[in-house]
Structures are given as C-alpha cells and as structure tokens.
Amino acid sequence: REAARQQARELDRLAELERFQRLT
C-alpha cells in the first residue's frame, strides 16, 4: 500500500511537471 501511495505521489508529480512543461 505504501508503494502504491508512493507511486501515486510520483504519478501526481509527473503530471504536475508535464503541466508545467506544457505551460513553459
């Protein structure tokens, strides 16, 4: 479950980076 939560956090971070990249 912790690994799943960590993966979810990483996916959220990646999505945020992708949004920032698109904006940049």
PDB file of all heavy atoms in Angstrom:
ATOM      1  N   ARG A   1       0.840  -1.211   0.000  1.00  0.00           N
ATOM      2  CA  ARG A   1       0.000   0.000   0.000  1.00  0.00           C
ATOM      3  C   ARG A   1       0.874   1.262   0.000  1.00  0.00           C
ATOM      4  O   ARG A   1       0.560   2.249  -0.677  1.00  0.00           O
ATOM      5  CB  ARG A   1      -0.940  -0.024   1.211  1.00  0.00           C
ATOM      6  CG  ARG A   1      -2.110  -0.982   1.058  1.00  0.00           C
ATOM      7  CD  ARG A   1      -3.152  -0.765   2.141  1.00  0.00           C
ATOM      8  NE  ARG A   1      -2.718  -1.292   3.411  1.00  0.00           N
ATOM      9  CZ  ARG A   1      -3.001  -2.503   3.855  1.00  0.00           C
ATOM     10  NH1 ARG A   1      -3.694  -3.343   3.081  1.00  0.00           N
ATOM     11  NH2 ARG A   1      -2.599  -2.909   5.037  1.00  0.00           N
ATOM     12  N   GLU A   2       1.972   1.222   0.771  1.00  0.00           N
ATOM     13  CA  GLU A   2       2.879   2.370   0.794  1.00  0.00           C
ATOM     14  C   GLU A   2       3.524   2.567  -0.569  1.00  0.00           C
ATOM     15  O   GLU A   2       3.673   3.695  -1.051  1.00  0.00           O
ATOM     16  CB  GLU A   2       3.952   2.168   1.858  1.00  0.00           C
ATOM     17  CG  GLU A   2       4.949   3.319   1.973  1.00  0.00           C
ATOM     18  CD  GLU A   2       4.294   4.648   2.264  1.00  0.00           C
ATOM     19  OE1 GLU A   2       3.262   4.679   2.966  1.00  0.00           O
ATOM     20  OE2 GLU A   2       4.816   5.675   1.772  1.00  0.00           O
ATOM     21  N   ALA A   3       3.906   1.448  -1.214  1.00  0.00           N
ATOM     22  CA  ALA A   3       4.475   1.536  -2.549  1.00  0.00           C
ATOM     23  C   ALA A   3       3.467   2.114  -3.526  1.00  0.00           C
ATOM     24  O   ALA A   3       3.812   2.925  -4.397  1.00  0.00           O
ATOM     25  CB  ALA A   3       4.934   0.157  -3.010  1.00  0.00           C
ATOM     26  N   ALA A   4       2.196   1.679  -3.346  1.00  0.00           N
ATOM     27  CA  ALA A   4       1.145   2.208  -4.221  1.00  0.00           C
ATOM     28  C   ALA A   4       0.945   3.696  -3.984  1.00  0.00           C
ATOM     29  O   ALA A   4       0.749   4.475  -4.931  1.00  0.00           O
ATOM     30  CB  ALA A   4      -0.150   1.452  -3.989  1.00  0.00           C
ATOM     31  N   ARG A   5       0.977   4.084  -2.695  1.00  0.00           N
ATOM     32  CA  ARG A   5       0.825   5.519  -2.391  1.00  0.00           C
ATOM     33  C   ARG A   5       1.993   6.317  -2.967  1.00  0.00           C
ATOM     34  O   ARG A   5       1.809   7.410  -3.524  1.00  0.00           O
ATOM     35  CB  ARG A   5       0.720   5.716  -0.880  1.00  0.00           C
ATOM     36  CG  ARG A   5      -0.600   5.271  -0.281  1.00  0.00           C
ATOM     37  CD  ARG A   5      -0.785   5.778   1.146  1.00  0.00           C
ATOM     38  NE  ARG A   5       0.169   5.161   2.058  1.00  0.00           N
ATOM     39  CZ  ARG A   5      -0.085   4.041   2.754  1.00  0.00           C
ATOM     40  NH1 ARG A   5      -1.246   3.427   2.590  1.00  0.00           N
ATOM     41  NH2 ARG A   5       0.816   3.559   3.575  1.00  0.00           N
ATOM     42  N   GLN A   6       3.227   5.773  -2.824  1.00  0.00           N
ATOM     43  CA  GLN A   6       4.413   6.445  -3.365  1.00  0.00           C
ATOM     44  C   GLN A   6       4.318   6.565  -4.880  1.00  0.00           C
ATOM     45  O   GLN A   6       4.630   7.610  -5.462  1.00  0.00           O
ATOM     46  CB  GLN A   6       5.665   5.670  -2.968  1.00  0.00           C
ATOM     47  CG  GLN A   6       6.976   6.291  -3.453  1.00  0.00           C
ATOM     48  CD  GLN A   6       7.251   7.649  -2.835  1.00  0.00           C
ATOM     49  OE1 GLN A   6       6.813   7.927  -1.704  1.00  0.00           O
ATOM     50  NE2 GLN A   6       7.925   8.515  -3.589  1.00  0.00           N
ATOM     51  N   GLN A   7       3.854   5.492  -5.505  1.00  0.00           N
ATOM     52  CA  GLN A   7       3.700   5.526  -6.957  1.00  0.00           C
ATOM     53  C   GLN A   7       2.667   6.564  -7.362  1.00  0.00           C
ATOM     54  O   GLN A   7       2.849   7.276  -8.353  1.00  0.00           O
ATOM     55  CB  GLN A   7       3.293   4.140  -7.469  1.00  0.00           C
ATOM     56  CG  GLN A   7       3.244   4.033  -8.982  1.00  0.00           C
ATOM     57  CD  GLN A   7       2.877   2.636  -9.440  1.00  0.00           C
ATOM     58  OE1 GLN A   7       2.313   1.863  -8.680  1.00  0.00           O
ATOM     59  NE2 GLN A   7       3.205   2.314 -10.673  1.00  0.00           N
ATOM     60  N   ALA A   8       1.575   6.634  -6.561  1.00  0.00           N
ATOM     61  CA  ALA A   8       0.540   7.627  -6.860  1.00  0.00           C
ATOM     62  C   ALA A   8       1.096   9.035  -6.726  1.00  0.00           C
ATOM     63  O   ALA A   8       0.799   9.923  -7.544  1.00  0.00           O
ATOM     64  CB  ALA A   8      -0.654   7.421  -5.942  1.00  0.00           C
ATOM     65  N   ARG A   9       1.932   9.250  -5.668  1.00  0.00           N
ATOM     66  CA  ARG A   9       2.531  10.572  -5.490  1.00  0.00           C
ATOM     67  C   ARG A   9       3.464  10.913  -6.654  1.00  0.00           C
ATOM     68  O   ARG A   9       3.485  12.044  -7.157  1.00  0.00           O
ATOM     69  CB  ARG A   9       3.292  10.625  -4.159  1.00  0.00           C
ATOM     70  CG  ARG A   9       2.396  10.682  -2.934  1.00  0.00           C
ATOM     71  CD  ARG A   9       3.159  11.078  -1.695  1.00  0.00           C
ATOM     72  NE  ARG A   9       4.135  10.061  -1.301  1.00  0.00           N
ATOM     73  CZ  ARG A   9       3.874   9.072  -0.470  1.00  0.00           C
ATOM     74  NH1 ARG A   9       2.667   8.951   0.066  1.00  0.00           N
ATOM     75  NH2 ARG A   9       4.810   8.206  -0.142  1.00  0.00           N
ATOM     76  N   GLU A  10       4.231   9.921  -7.080  1.00  0.00           N
ATOM     77  CA  GLU A  10       5.148  10.150  -8.187  1.00  0.00           C
ATOM     78  C   GLU A  10       4.395  10.452  -9.479  1.00  0.00           C
ATOM     79  O   GLU A  10       4.808  11.293 -10.279  1.00  0.00           O
ATOM     80  CB  GLU A  10       6.060   8.947  -8.360  1.00  0.00           C
ATOM     81  CG  GLU A  10       7.060   8.788  -7.227  1.00  0.00           C
ATOM     82  CD  GLU A  10       7.892   7.538  -7.365  1.00  0.00           C
ATOM     83  OE1 GLU A  10       7.628   6.754  -8.314  1.00  0.00           O
ATOM     84  OE2 GLU A  10       8.798   7.324  -6.536  1.00  0.00           O
ATOM     85  N   LEU A  11       3.287   9.724  -9.667  1.00  0.00           N
ATOM     86  CA  LEU A  11       2.475   9.988 -10.859  1.00  0.00           C
ATOM     87  C   LEU A  11       1.881  11.395 -10.823  1.00  0.00           C
ATOM     88  O   LEU A  11       1.817  12.088 -11.854  1.00  0.00           O
ATOM     89  CB  LEU A  11       1.354   8.937 -10.977  1.00  0.00           C
ATOM     90  CG  LEU A  11       1.817   7.523 -11.348  1.00  0.00           C
ATOM     91  CD1 LEU A  11       0.653   6.545 -11.251  1.00  0.00           C
ATOM     92  CD2 LEU A  11       2.409   7.485 -12.758  1.00  0.00           C
ATOM     93  N   ASP A  12       1.433  11.789  -9.609  1.00  0.00           N
ATOM     94  CA  ASP A  12       0.906  13.153  -9.468  1.00  0.00           C
ATOM     95  C   ASP A  12       2.000  14.178  -9.771  1.00  0.00           C
ATOM     96  O   ASP A  12       1.755  15.201 -10.447  1.00  0.00           O
ATOM     97  CB  ASP A  12       0.364  13.362  -8.049  1.00  0.00           C
ATOM     98  CG  ASP A  12      -0.917  12.594  -7.805  1.00  0.00           C
ATOM     99  OD1 ASP A  12      -1.548  12.171  -8.791  1.00  0.00           O
ATOM    100  OD2 ASP A  12      -1.276  12.399  -6.626  1.00  0.00           O
ATOM    101  N   ARG A  13       3.220  13.960  -9.273  1.00  0.00           N
ATOM    102  CA  ARG A  13       4.346  14.874  -9.511  1.00  0.00           C
ATOM    103  C   ARG A  13       4.679  14.938 -10.987  1.00  0.00           C
ATOM    104  O   ARG A  13       4.923  16.011 -11.544  1.00  0.00           O
ATOM    105  CB  ARG A  13       5.563  14.397  -8.725  1.00  0.00           C
ATOM    106  CG  ARG A  13       6.830  15.206  -8.928  1.00  0.00           C
ATOM    107  CD  ARG A  13       6.671  16.629  -8.479  1.00  0.00           C
ATOM    108  NE  ARG A  13       7.896  17.373  -8.634  1.00  0.00           N
ATOM    109  CZ  ARG A  13       7.965  18.702  -8.601  1.00  0.00           C
ATOM    110  NH1 ARG A  13       6.847  19.428  -8.440  1.00  0.00           N
ATOM    111  NH2 ARG A  13       9.124  19.319  -8.730  1.00  0.00           N
ATOM    112  N   LEU A  14       4.665  13.760 -11.642  1.00  0.00           N
ATOM    113  CA  LEU A  14       4.949  13.718 -13.066  1.00  0.00           C
ATOM    114  C   LEU A  14       3.907  14.483 -13.862  1.00  0.00           C
ATOM    115  O   LEU A  14       4.235  15.225 -14.797  1.00  0.00           O
ATOM    116  CB  LEU A  14       4.999  12.252 -13.522  1.00  0.00           C
ATOM    117  CG  LEU A  14       5.322  12.008 -15.000  1.00  0.00           C
ATOM    118  CD1 LEU A  14       6.687  12.589 -15.350  1.00  0.00           C
ATOM    119  CD2 LEU A  14       5.265  10.522 -15.328  1.00  0.00           C
ATOM    120  N   ALA A  15       2.652  14.317 -13.459  1.00  0.00           N
ATOM    121  CA  ALA A  15       1.581  15.041 -14.146  1.00  0.00           C
ATOM    122  C   ALA A  15       1.758  16.541 -13.970  1.00  0.00           C
ATOM    123  O   ALA A  15       1.516  17.326 -14.902  1.00  0.00           O
ATOM    124  CB  ALA A  15       0.227  14.583 -13.612  1.00  0.00           C
ATOM    125  N   GLU A  16       2.139  16.938 -12.758  1.00  0.00           N
ATOM    126  CA  GLU A  16       2.369  18.362 -12.485  1.00  0.00           C
ATOM    127  C   GLU A  16       3.507  18.889 -13.337  1.00  0.00           C
ATOM    128  O   GLU A  16       3.441  19.999 -13.907  1.00  0.00           O
ATOM    129  CB  GLU A  16       2.677  18.553 -11.004  1.00  0.00           C
ATOM    130  CG  GLU A  16       2.876  20.002 -10.581  1.00  0.00           C
ATOM    131  CD  GLU A  16       1.608  20.830 -10.726  1.00  0.00           C
ATOM    132  OE1 GLU A  16       0.503  20.236 -10.654  1.00  0.00           O
ATOM    133  OE2 GLU A  16       1.704  22.049 -10.921  1.00  0.00           O
ATOM    134  N   LEU A  17       4.601  18.102 -13.437  1.00  0.00           N
ATOM    135  CA  LEU A  17       5.726  18.502 -14.263  1.00  0.00           C
ATOM    136  C   LEU A  17       5.332  18.620 -15.729  1.00  0.00           C
ATOM    137  O   LEU A  17       5.771  19.540 -16.440  1.00  0.00           O
ATOM    138  CB  LEU A  17       6.875  17.504 -14.109  1.00  0.00           C
ATOM    139  CG  LEU A  17       7.603  17.532 -12.756  1.00  0.00           C
ATOM    140  CD1 LEU A  17       8.588  16.377 -12.671  1.00  0.00           C
ATOM    141  CD2 LEU A  17       8.314  18.867 -12.547  1.00  0.00           C
ATOM    142  N   GLU A  18       4.488  17.680 -16.160  1.00  0.00           N
ATOM    143  CA  GLU A  18       4.037  17.743 -17.546  1.00  0.00           C
ATOM    144  C   GLU A  18       3.202  18.984 -17.797  1.00  0.00           C
ATOM    145  O   GLU A  18       3.335  19.642 -18.844  1.00  0.00           O
ATOM    146  CB  GLU A  18       3.224  16.482 -17.888  1.00  0.00           C
ATOM    147  CG  GLU A  18       4.087  15.235 -18.004  1.00  0.00           C
ATOM    148  CD  GLU A  18       3.255  13.987 -18.252  1.00  0.00           C
ATOM    149  OE1 GLU A  18       2.011  14.057 -18.088  1.00  0.00           O
ATOM    150  OE2 GLU A  18       3.834  12.944 -18.602  1.00  0.00           O
ATOM    151  N   ARG A  19       2.344  19.313 -16.835  1.00  0.00           N
ATOM    152  CA  ARG A  19       1.537  20.539 -16.982  1.00  0.00           C
ATOM    153  C   ARG A  19       2.439  21.775 -17.015  1.00  0.00           C
ATOM    154  O   ARG A  19       2.249  22.695 -17.816  1.00  0.00           O
ATOM    155  CB  ARG A  19       0.521  20.635 -15.828  1.00  0.00           C
ATOM    156  CG  ARG A  19      -0.646  19.680 -15.949  1.00  0.00           C
ATOM    157  CD  ARG A  19      -1.775  20.062 -15.013  1.00  0.00           C
ATOM    158  NE  ARG A  19      -1.373  20.010 -13.609  1.00  0.00           N
ATOM    159  CZ  ARG A  19      -1.426  18.930 -12.863  1.00  0.00           C
ATOM    160  NH1 ARG A  19      -1.870  17.788 -13.405  1.00  0.00           N
ATOM    161  NH2 ARG A  19      -1.043  18.960 -11.606  1.00  0.00           N
ATOM    162  N   PHE A  20       3.451  21.778 -16.110  1.00  0.00           N
ATOM    163  CA  PHE A  20       4.381  22.916 -16.062  1.00  0.00           C
ATOM    164  C   PHE A  20       5.164  23.009 -17.364  1.00  0.00           C
ATOM    165  O   PHE A  20       5.400  24.104 -17.894  1.00  0.00           O
ATOM    166  CB  PHE A  20       5.332  22.756 -14.874  1.00  0.00           C
ATOM    167  CG  PHE A  20       6.347  23.853 -14.764  1.00  0.00           C
ATOM    168  CD1 PHE A  20       5.980  25.117 -14.289  1.00  0.00           C
ATOM    169  CD2 PHE A  20       7.663  23.647 -15.172  1.00  0.00           C
ATOM    170  CE1 PHE A  20       6.923  26.130 -14.200  1.00  0.00           C
ATOM    171  CE2 PHE A  20       8.595  24.653 -15.077  1.00  0.00           C
ATOM    172  CZ  PHE A  20       8.231  25.908 -14.589  1.00  0.00           C
ATOM    173  N   GLN A  21       5.567  21.817 -17.863  1.00  0.00           N
ATOM    174  CA  GLN A  21       6.334  21.813 -19.108  1.00  0.00           C
ATOM    175  C   GLN A  21       5.513  22.373 -20.259  1.00  0.00           C
ATOM    176  O   GLN A  21       5.995  23.161 -21.076  1.00  0.00           O
ATOM    177  CB  GLN A  21       6.793  20.395 -19.409  1.00  0.00           C
ATOM    178  CG  GLN A  21       7.710  20.306 -20.623  1.00  0.00           C
ATOM    179  CD  GLN A  21       8.142  18.882 -20.888  1.00  0.00           C
ATOM    180  OE1 GLN A  21       7.451  17.947 -20.509  1.00  0.00           O
ATOM    181  NE2 GLN A  21       9.280  18.734 -21.543  1.00  0.00           N
ATOM    182  N   ARG A  22       4.257  21.889 -20.300  1.00  0.00           N
ATOM    183  CA  ARG A  22       3.401  22.396 -21.371  1.00  0.00           C
ATOM    184  C   ARG A  22       3.226  23.907 -21.274  1.00  0.00           C
ATOM    185  O   ARG A  22       3.246  24.632 -22.278  1.00  0.00           O
ATOM    186  CB  ARG A  22       2.032  21.687 -21.320  1.00  0.00           C
ATOM    187  CG  ARG A  22       2.065  20.255 -21.796  1.00  0.00           C
ATOM    188  CD  ARG A  22       0.680  19.741 -22.067  1.00  0.00           C
ATOM    189  NE  ARG A  22      -0.132  19.712 -20.847  1.00  0.00           N
ATOM    190  CZ  ARG A  22      -0.197  18.681 -20.023  1.00  0.00           C
ATOM    191  NH1 ARG A  22       0.512  17.589 -20.290  1.00  0.00           N
ATOM    192  NH2 ARG A  22      -0.958  18.733 -18.958  1.00  0.00           N
ATOM    193  N   LEU A  23       3.055  24.398 -20.054  1.00  0.00           N
ATOM    194  CA  LEU A  23       2.901  25.837 -19.849  1.00  0.00           C
ATOM    195  C   LEU A  23       4.181  26.576 -20.243  1.00  0.00           C
ATOM    196  O   LEU A  23       4.146  27.609 -20.920  1.00  0.00           O
ATOM    197  CB  LEU A  23       2.562  26.106 -18.377  1.00  0.00           C
ATOM    198  CG  LEU A  23       2.352  27.566 -17.983  1.00  0.00           C
ATOM    199  CD1 LEU A  23       1.184  28.174 -18.770  1.00  0.00           C
ATOM    200  CD2 LEU A  23       2.092  27.694 -16.483  1.00  0.00           C
ATOM    201  N   THR A  24       5.314  26.042 -19.838  1.00  0.00           N
ATOM    202  CA  THR A  24       6.605  26.676 -20.150  1.00  0.00           C
ATOM    203  C   THR A  24       6.858  26.681 -21.652  1.00  0.00           C
ATOM    204  O   THR A  24       7.274  27.705 -22.231  1.00  0.00           O
ATOM    205  CB  THR A  24       7.741  25.928 -19.437  1.00  0.00           C
ATOM    206  OG1 THR A  24       7.482  25.939 -18.032  1.00  0.00           O
ATOM    207  CG2 THR A  24       9.078  26.590 -19.719  1.00  0.00           C
TER     208      THR A  24
END
